[in-house]
Structure formats: C-alpha cells, structure tokens
Amino acid sequence: MNAIDIQAQAEALERLSVRHIQEKNWQALEDMLDPACQFVSSTGSYDRASAMTLMKEMNLGEVGFKDFKVTQAGDNLIVSFWICAIEYRDGKQLSSSYSPRLSVWKKSSDTWKCIAYADLIDS
C-alpha cells in the first residue's frame, strides 16, 4: 500500500469504529477489536471486555475528526488524530473540544484489528 492508501484505510477504520459506537452496533465494534486489545484513558487502563462495557454506557452524538497522522510498521498501522464529540459518560457531558487519540491496528489475513487505543480526553 502507498501512503495515500494507508491514510485512507486508517481514517476509514477510525470513522467506522465511531459509527458503530454511535449506532450501538456492539457486535460489529467487537469484531474490529483484537481479543488482546488494550485501552487507556484518563480514568485508567482497560482490557477489551472492560472497554466494551464503558463504550456501551457512552452516548455518543455528532463527531468531528481532524489532523490524522498515519504510519505503517510492518503489519501495523499507527494512527493519531484529534476528535471532538458530544459525549456523555456517567450522565455527565464531557468536553466537546478536540482531544487527541492514538490507535494501533494489526493486519491479520485481510482484516485490520485494533490492538491498542488511547483516549486522551479530559474527564
């Protein structure tokens, strides 16, 4: 893949995963996550199951993306970007300002699976 294709693929993966959260399509989201996937946020570090529980409690509204940066390291895509969203966690609206994210995707066969995700929004 060339750099343009890699960039487009990474952006599509991020946008699709967010759409699954917005639509509460949990099975499709789980299918995008490697069983060993780890998540980190300002509230702690989570395994895949714990992160899914948190995401299911989230009510995610309109989302904006900007400043995607993507690098490829072997079978991995490393993606950093900024996201803003109307998001509620524990009944409290979080900041709708842009905040950084970082994800790592691993290619297995013809499928990309998220193996790590950092949510750097202030809680």
Protein backbone atom coordinates (compact mmCIF):
# COMPACT_ATOMS: atom_id res chain seq x y z
CA MET A 1 0.00 0.00 0.00
CA ASN A 2 1.19 3.52 -0.72
CA ALA A 3 0.99 6.38 1.80
CA ILE A 4 -2.30 7.74 0.39
CA ASP A 5 -3.95 4.30 0.57
CA ILE A 6 -2.65 3.76 4.11
CA GLN A 7 -4.00 7.15 5.21
CA ALA A 8 -7.42 6.46 3.66
CA GLN A 9 -7.58 2.97 5.20
CA ALA A 10 -6.73 4.27 8.69
CA GLU A 11 -9.25 7.11 8.52
CA ALA A 12 -11.94 4.69 7.34
CA LEU A 13 -11.22 2.33 10.26
CA GLU A 14 -11.49 5.13 12.82
CA ARG A 15 -14.66 6.57 11.31
CA LEU A 16 -16.27 3.12 11.12
CA SER A 17 -15.48 2.28 14.74
CA VAL A 18 -17.02 5.59 15.88
CA ARG A 19 -20.09 4.99 13.73
CA HIS A 20 -20.53 1.57 15.38
CA ILE A 21 -20.48 3.28 18.80
CA GLN A 22 -22.97 5.93 17.67
CA GLU A 23 -25.28 3.25 16.26
CA LYS A 24 -24.72 0.96 19.27
CA ASN A 25 -23.68 -1.80 16.87
CA TRP A 26 -21.70 -3.63 19.54
CA GLN A 27 -21.07 -6.87 17.67
CA ALA A 28 -19.60 -5.02 14.69
CA LEU A 29 -17.40 -2.98 17.04
CA GLU A 30 -16.22 -6.08 18.90
CA ASP A 31 -15.36 -7.67 15.55
CA MET A 32 -12.93 -4.78 14.94
CA LEU A 33 -11.09 -5.37 18.24
CA ASP A 34 -8.36 -7.91 18.77
CA PRO A 35 -9.06 -10.11 21.84
CA ALA A 36 -5.86 -8.75 23.44
CA CYS A 37 -6.74 -5.10 22.71
CA GLN A 38 -5.90 -2.63 25.48
CA PHE A 39 -7.47 0.76 26.07
CA VAL A 40 -6.20 3.64 28.19
CA SER A 41 -7.91 6.86 29.20
CA SER A 42 -7.67 9.43 31.96
CA THR A 43 -9.72 7.05 34.13
CA GLY A 44 -7.38 4.07 33.79
CA SER A 45 -6.32 1.12 31.70
CA TYR A 46 -8.83 -1.42 30.41
CA ASP A 47 -8.88 -4.79 28.72
CA ARG A 48 -11.21 -5.37 25.78
CA ALA A 49 -14.18 -6.54 27.86
CA SER A 50 -13.94 -3.64 30.33
CA ALA A 51 -13.58 -1.14 27.49
CA MET A 52 -16.66 -2.56 25.76
CA THR A 53 -18.62 -2.11 29.00
CA LEU A 54 -17.56 1.55 29.13
CA MET A 55 -18.42 2.14 25.48
CA LYS A 56 -21.87 0.61 25.95
CA GLU A 57 -22.52 3.18 28.71
CA MET A 58 -21.47 6.04 26.44
CA ASN A 59 -23.99 8.09 24.49
CA LEU A 60 -22.05 9.46 21.55
CA GLY A 61 -23.53 12.23 19.45
CA GLU A 62 -22.11 14.13 16.50
CA VAL A 63 -18.36 13.65 15.96
CA GLY A 64 -15.66 15.62 14.16
CA PHE A 65 -12.21 14.39 13.14
CA LYS A 66 -9.07 16.29 12.18
CA ASP A 67 -5.29 16.01 11.81
CA PHE A 68 -4.90 12.33 11.01
CA LYS A 69 -1.29 11.12 11.02
CA VAL A 70 -0.67 7.54 9.98
CA THR A 71 2.45 5.43 9.83
CA GLN A 72 2.84 1.80 8.90
CA ALA A 73 5.23 -0.51 10.74
CA GLY A 74 5.12 -3.94 9.15
CA ASP A 75 1.58 -5.29 9.62
CA ASN A 76 0.64 -2.42 11.94
CA LEU A 77 -0.97 0.97 11.36
CA ILE A 78 -0.25 3.61 13.99
CA VAL A 79 -2.89 6.32 13.86
CA SER A 80 -3.03 9.59 15.73
CA PHE A 81 -5.85 12.06 15.26
CA TRP A 82 -7.99 14.62 17.03
CA ILE A 83 -11.67 14.09 17.67
CA CYS A 84 -14.46 16.21 19.08
CA ALA A 85 -17.81 14.83 20.08
CA ILE A 86 -20.91 15.40 22.07
CA GLU A 87 -20.28 12.62 24.56
CA TYR A 88 -21.82 11.64 27.86
CA ARG A 89 -20.13 9.44 30.41
CA ASP A 90 -21.73 8.61 33.77
CA GLY A 91 -24.54 11.03 32.96
CA LYS A 92 -22.10 13.93 32.58
CA GLN A 93 -21.34 15.72 29.32
CA LEU A 94 -17.63 15.68 28.55
CA SER A 95 -15.80 18.49 26.83
CA SER A 96 -16.82 18.89 23.21
CA SER A 97 -13.39 20.37 22.37
CA TYR A 98 -10.99 18.44 20.17
CA SER A 99 -8.81 15.95 22.07
CA PRO A 100 -6.10 13.58 20.85
CA ARG A 101 -6.43 9.86 20.23
CA LEU A 102 -3.92 7.19 19.33
CA SER A 103 -4.68 3.73 17.99
CA VAL A 104 -2.71 0.77 16.70
CA TRP A 105 -4.23 -1.62 14.16
CA LYS A 106 -2.75 -5.01 13.21
CA LYS A 107 -3.49 -6.71 9.92
CA SER A 108 -4.43 -10.36 10.21
CA SER A 109 -5.24 -12.03 6.88
CA ASP A 110 -7.26 -9.30 5.12
CA THR A 111 -8.71 -7.78 8.28
CA TRP A 112 -7.49 -4.92 10.46
CA LYS A 113 -7.96 -5.38 14.22
CA CYS A 114 -7.39 -2.68 16.83
CA ILE A 115 -4.78 -3.83 19.32
CA ALA A 116 -4.37 -0.59 21.32
CA TYR A 117 -6.29 2.65 21.81
CA ALA A 118 -5.57 5.75 23.89
CA ASP A 119 -8.38 8.20 24.63
CA LEU A 120 -6.75 11.40 25.87
CA ILE A 121 -9.88 13.42 26.61
CA ASP A 122 -10.03 15.17 29.97
CA SER A 123 -12.68 13.55 32.11
